C-alpha atoms as a PDB file:
ATOM      1  CA  MET A   1      -0.060  -0.001  -0.133  1.00  0.00           C
ATOM      2  CA  SER A   2       1.424   3.336  -0.944  1.00  0.00           C
ATOM      3  CA  PRO A   3       1.895   6.224   1.506  1.00  0.00           C
ATOM      4  CA  GLY A   4      -0.945   8.178  -0.165  1.00  0.00           C
ATOM      5  CA  GLU A   5      -3.432   5.220  -0.028  1.00  0.00           C
ATOM      6  CA  ARG A   6      -2.450   4.779   3.701  1.00  0.00           C
ATOM      7  CA  LEU A   7      -3.205   8.586   4.269  1.00  0.00           C
ATOM      8  CA  THR A   8      -6.344   8.320   2.595  1.00  0.00           C
ATOM      9  CA  LEU A   9      -7.490   5.319   4.525  1.00  0.00           C
ATOM     10  CA  GLY A  10      -6.410   7.002   7.757  1.00  0.00           C
ATOM     11  CA  LEU A  11      -8.329  10.173   7.026  1.00  0.00           C
ATOM     12  CA  ALA A  12     -11.396   8.021   6.122  1.00  0.00           C
ATOM     13  CA  ALA A  13     -11.186   6.295   9.447  1.00  0.00           C
ATOM     14  CA  VAL A  14     -10.714   9.405  11.442  1.00  0.00           C
ATOM     15  CA  ALA A  15     -13.837  11.047   9.538  1.00  0.00           C
ATOM     16  CA  THR A  16     -15.884   7.875  10.285  1.00  0.00           C
ATOM     17  CA  ALA A  17     -14.924   7.941  13.978  1.00  0.00           C
ATOM     18  CA  ALA A  18     -15.624  11.649  14.310  1.00  0.00           C
ATOM     19  CA  GLY A  19     -19.070  11.149  12.518  1.00  0.00           C
ATOM     20  CA  LEU A  20     -19.910   8.331  14.873  1.00  0.00           C
ATOM     21  CA  ALA A  21     -18.994  10.276  17.945  1.00  0.00           C
ATOM     22  CA  ALA A  22     -21.086  13.301  16.770  1.00  0.00           C
ATOM     23  CA  TRP A  23     -24.110  10.926  16.223  1.00  0.00           C
ATOM     24  CA  LEU A  24     -23.593   9.451  19.757  1.00  0.00           C
ATOM     25  CA  VAL A  25     -23.384  12.731  21.333  1.00  0.00           C
ATOM     26  CA  ALA A  26     -26.606  14.110  19.497  1.00  0.00           C
ATOM     27  CA  ARG A  27     -28.433  10.868  20.465  1.00  0.00           C
ATOM     28  CA  ALA A  28     -27.506  11.282  24.135  1.00  0.00           C
ATOM     29  CA  ARG A  29     -28.531  14.898  24.215  1.00  0.00           C
ATOM     30  CA  GLY A  30     -31.867  14.138  22.637  1.00  0.00           C
ATOM     31  CA  ARG A  31     -32.624  11.729  25.513  1.00  0.00           C
ATOM     32  CA  ARG A  32     -31.374  13.836  28.366  1.00  0.00           C
ATOM     33  CA  GLY A  33     -33.948  15.757  30.249  1.00  0.00           C
ATOM     34  CA  LYS A  34     -36.902  13.445  29.393  1.00  0.00           C
ATOM     35  CA  SER A  35     -38.633  11.783  32.311  1.00  0.00           C
ATOM     36  CA  PRO A  36     -39.103   7.932  32.052  1.00  0.00           C
ATOM     37  CA  GLU A  37     -42.862   8.619  31.582  1.00  0.00           C
ATOM     38  CA  GLU A  38     -42.173  10.743  28.494  1.00  0.00           C
ATOM     39  CA  ILE A  39     -39.801   8.201  27.026  1.00  0.00           C
ATOM     40  CA  GLU A  40     -42.365   5.493  27.470  1.00  0.00           C
ATOM     41  CA  ARG A  41     -45.100   7.708  25.948  1.00  0.00           C
ATOM     42  CA  GLN A  42     -42.809   8.293  22.847  1.00  0.00           C
ATOM     43  CA  ARG A  43     -42.126   4.472  22.583  1.00  0.00           C
ATOM     44  CA  CYS A  44     -45.807   3.800  22.620  1.00  0.00           C
ATOM     45  CA  LEU A  45     -46.524   6.321  19.904  1.00  0.00           C
ATOM     46  CA  ASP A  46     -43.646   5.045  17.771  1.00  0.00           C
ATOM     47  CA  VAL A  47     -45.067   1.517  17.991  1.00  0.00           C
ATOM     48  CA  HIS A  48     -48.560   2.875  17.246  1.00  0.00           C
ATOM     49  CA  HIS A  49     -47.336   4.599  14.161  1.00  0.00           C
ATOM     50  CA  ARG A  50     -45.051   1.933  12.702  1.00  0.00           C
ATOM     51  CA  GLY A  51     -46.464  -1.290  14.268  1.00  0.00           C
ATOM     52  CA  ARG A  52     -48.433  -4.045  12.939  1.00  0.00           C
ATOM     53  CA  ILE A  53     -51.464  -5.720  14.498  1.00  0.00           C
ATOM     54  CA  ALA A  54     -51.687  -9.157  16.071  1.00  0.00           C
ATOM     55  CA  MET A  55     -54.564 -10.647  18.169  1.00  0.00           C
ATOM     56  CA  GLY A  56     -53.845 -11.051  21.776  1.00  0.00           C
ATOM     57  CA  HIS A  57     -55.330 -11.791  25.140  1.00  0.00           C
ATOM     58  CA  VAL A  58     -55.499  -9.821  28.343  1.00  0.00           C
ATOM     59  CA  VAL A  59     -54.119 -11.948  31.025  1.00  0.00           C
ATOM     60  CA  ASP A  60     -54.304  -9.951  34.096  1.00  0.00           C
ATOM     61  CA  PHE A  61     -54.114  -6.590  35.685  1.00  0.00           C
ATOM     62  CA  VAL A  62     -51.654  -5.620  38.561  1.00  0.00           C
ATOM     63  CA  ASP A  63     -52.090  -2.581  40.815  1.00  0.00           C
ATOM     64  CA  ALA A  64     -48.296  -2.299  41.677  1.00  0.00           C
ATOM     65  CA  ASP A  65     -47.150  -0.573  44.711  1.00  0.00           C
ATOM     66  CA  SER A  66     -45.409   2.800  44.614  1.00  0.00           C
ATOM     67  CA  SER A  67     -42.093   1.421  45.636  1.00  0.00           C
ATOM     68  CA  SER A  68     -41.694  -0.555  42.258  1.00  0.00           C
ATOM     69  CA  GLY A  69     -41.964   2.520  40.136  1.00  0.00           C
ATOM     70  CA  HIS A  70     -44.916   1.238  38.168  1.00  0.00           C
ATOM     71  CA  GLY A  71     -48.501   2.068  38.791  1.00  0.00           C
ATOM     72  CA  ARG A  72     -51.131   0.020  36.957  1.00  0.00           C
ATOM     73  CA  LEU A  73     -49.908  -2.725  34.746  1.00  0.00           C
ATOM     74  CA  ILE A  74     -51.914  -4.695  32.250  1.00  0.00           C
ATOM     75  CA  LEU A  75     -50.367  -8.124  31.219  1.00  0.00           C
ATOM     76  CA  TYR A  76     -51.225  -9.545  27.837  1.00  0.00           C
ATOM     77  CA  HIS A  77     -49.761 -12.189  25.433  1.00  0.00           C
ATOM     78  CA  TYR A  78     -49.723 -12.351  21.659  1.00  0.00           C
ATOM     79  CA  GLU A  79     -48.339 -14.524  18.853  1.00  0.00           C
ATOM     80  CA  VAL A  80     -46.148 -13.443  15.897  1.00  0.00           C
ATOM     81  CA  GLY A  81     -44.765 -15.848  13.432  1.00  0.00           C
ATOM     82  CA  GLY A  82     -45.530 -18.874  15.747  1.00  0.00           C
ATOM     83  CA  VAL A  83     -43.793 -17.315  18.679  1.00  0.00           C
ATOM     84  CA  THR A  84     -45.884 -16.295  21.847  1.00  0.00           C
ATOM     85  CA  TYR A  85     -44.965 -13.186  23.612  1.00  0.00           C
ATOM     86  CA  GLU A  86     -45.968 -12.173  27.022  1.00  0.00           C
ATOM     87  CA  ALA A  87     -45.863  -8.545  27.880  1.00  0.00           C
ATOM     88  CA  ALA A  88     -46.845  -5.863  30.459  1.00  0.00           C
ATOM     89  CA  GLN A  89     -47.527  -2.262  29.922  1.00  0.00           C
ATOM     90  CA  ASP A  90     -47.955   0.468  32.415  1.00  0.00           C
ATOM     91  CA  ILE A  91     -51.266   2.081  31.785  1.00  0.00           C
ATOM     92  CA  SER A  92     -51.416   4.601  34.647  1.00  0.00           C
ATOM     93  CA  ALA A  93     -51.344   7.550  32.172  1.00  0.00           C
ATOM     94  CA  LEU A  94     -54.291   6.083  30.095  1.00  0.00           C
ATOM     95  CA  THR A  95     -56.965   6.830  32.566  1.00  0.00           C
ATOM     96  CA  SER A  96     -60.074   5.401  30.880  1.00  0.00           C
ATOM     97  CA  LEU A  97     -58.224   1.874  30.330  1.00  0.00           C
ATOM     98  CA  ALA A  98     -56.754   2.035  33.820  1.00  0.00           C
ATOM     99  CA  ALA A  99     -60.203   2.709  35.326  1.00  0.00           C
ATOM    100  CA  ALA A 100     -61.694  -0.363  33.448  1.00  0.00           C
ATOM    101  CA  ALA A 101     -58.702  -2.676  33.626  1.00  0.00           C
ATOM    102  CA  HIS A 102     -59.828  -4.848  36.520  1.00  0.00           C
ATOM    103  CA  GLY A 103     -62.718  -6.344  34.351  1.00  0.00           C
ATOM    104  CA  LEU A 104     -60.573  -7.091  31.334  1.00  0.00           C
ATOM    105  CA  ALA A 105     -58.796 -10.395  32.162  1.00  0.00           C
ATOM    106  CA  GLY A 106     -59.397 -12.941  29.579  1.00  0.00           C
ATOM    107  CA  GLN A 107     -60.632 -10.519  26.921  1.00  0.00           C
ATOM    108  CA  ILE A 108     -59.390 -10.627  23.402  1.00  0.00           C
ATOM    109  CA  ALA A 109     -57.477  -7.472  22.345  1.00  0.00           C
ATOM    110  CA  SER A 110     -55.535  -6.280  19.446  1.00  0.00           C
ATOM    111  CA  VAL A 111     -51.767  -5.710  20.148  1.00  0.00           C
ATOM    112  CA  LYS A 112     -49.484  -3.425  18.143  1.00  0.00           C
ATOM    113  CA  TYR A 113     -45.888  -4.742  17.814  1.00  0.00           C
ATOM    114  CA  ASP A 114     -42.689  -3.470  16.056  1.00  0.00           C
ATOM    115  CA  PRO A 115     -42.132  -5.846  13.136  1.00  0.00           C
ATOM    116  CA  LYS A 116     -38.377  -5.653  13.468  1.00  0.00           C
ATOM    117  CA  HIS A 117     -38.551  -6.254  17.293  1.00  0.00           C
ATOM    118  CA  PRO A 118     -41.763  -8.140  18.039  1.00  0.00           C
ATOM    119  CA  THR A 119     -41.105  -7.938  21.734  1.00  0.00           C
ATOM    120  CA  ASN A 120     -41.640  -4.274  21.496  1.00  0.00           C
ATOM    121  CA  SER A 121     -45.480  -3.990  21.742  1.00  0.00           C
ATOM    122  CA  ILE A 122     -48.335  -2.005  23.104  1.00  0.00           C
ATOM    123  CA  ILE A 123     -51.998  -2.792  23.982  1.00  0.00           C
ATOM    124  CA  ALA A 124     -52.887   1.004  24.073  1.00  0.00           C
ATOM    125  CA  CYS A 125     -51.471   4.365  23.788  1.00  0.00           C
ATOM    126  CA  GLU A 126     -53.053   7.943  23.864  1.00  0.00           C
ATOM    127  CA  GLU A 127     -53.945   7.713  20.160  1.00  0.00           C
ATOM    128  CA  TRP A 128     -55.202   4.054  20.030  1.00  0.00           C
ATOM    129  CA  CYS A 129     -56.510   1.321  22.125  1.00  0.00           C
ATOM    130  CA  GLY A 130     -56.626  -2.471  21.188  1.00  0.00           C
ATOM    131  CA  ILE A 131     -59.404  -3.226  23.607  1.00  0.00           C
ATOM    132  CA  LYS A 132     -62.684  -2.759  21.857  1.00  0.00           C
ATOM    133  CA  THR A 133     -64.872  -2.011  24.865  1.00  0.00           C
ATOM    134  CA  ILE A 134     -62.562   0.821  25.820  1.00  0.00           C
ATOM    135  CA  GLY A 135     -61.411   2.671  22.662  1.00  0.00           C
END
């Protein structure tokens, strides 16, 4: 390899590393200052907008204690590509769903999931609800 080719390769590596560092800093700044509730709200909206729908079942409702950091959890399962997933979603911010959640166990529901990561799913968000009697 000639000295000119080495210099070009070295400069390309430095530029790539600098670009990666700038991207990581920008990404870290974007998350800073957001509360866990806001991060969860944005995750749910992202799954809502990009997700696909699968049929699921509400398994249970858990009114968690305040020490766990979660309020009201709805537990559900769904199947994608022959794989069954079990999930829980904090629905404390979704007041109409949280109020009715105790009577939902065993009910069929639509679940939205990220097609690239089927474990990333929601049963409801502020713009959509997969439980027909609620939304």
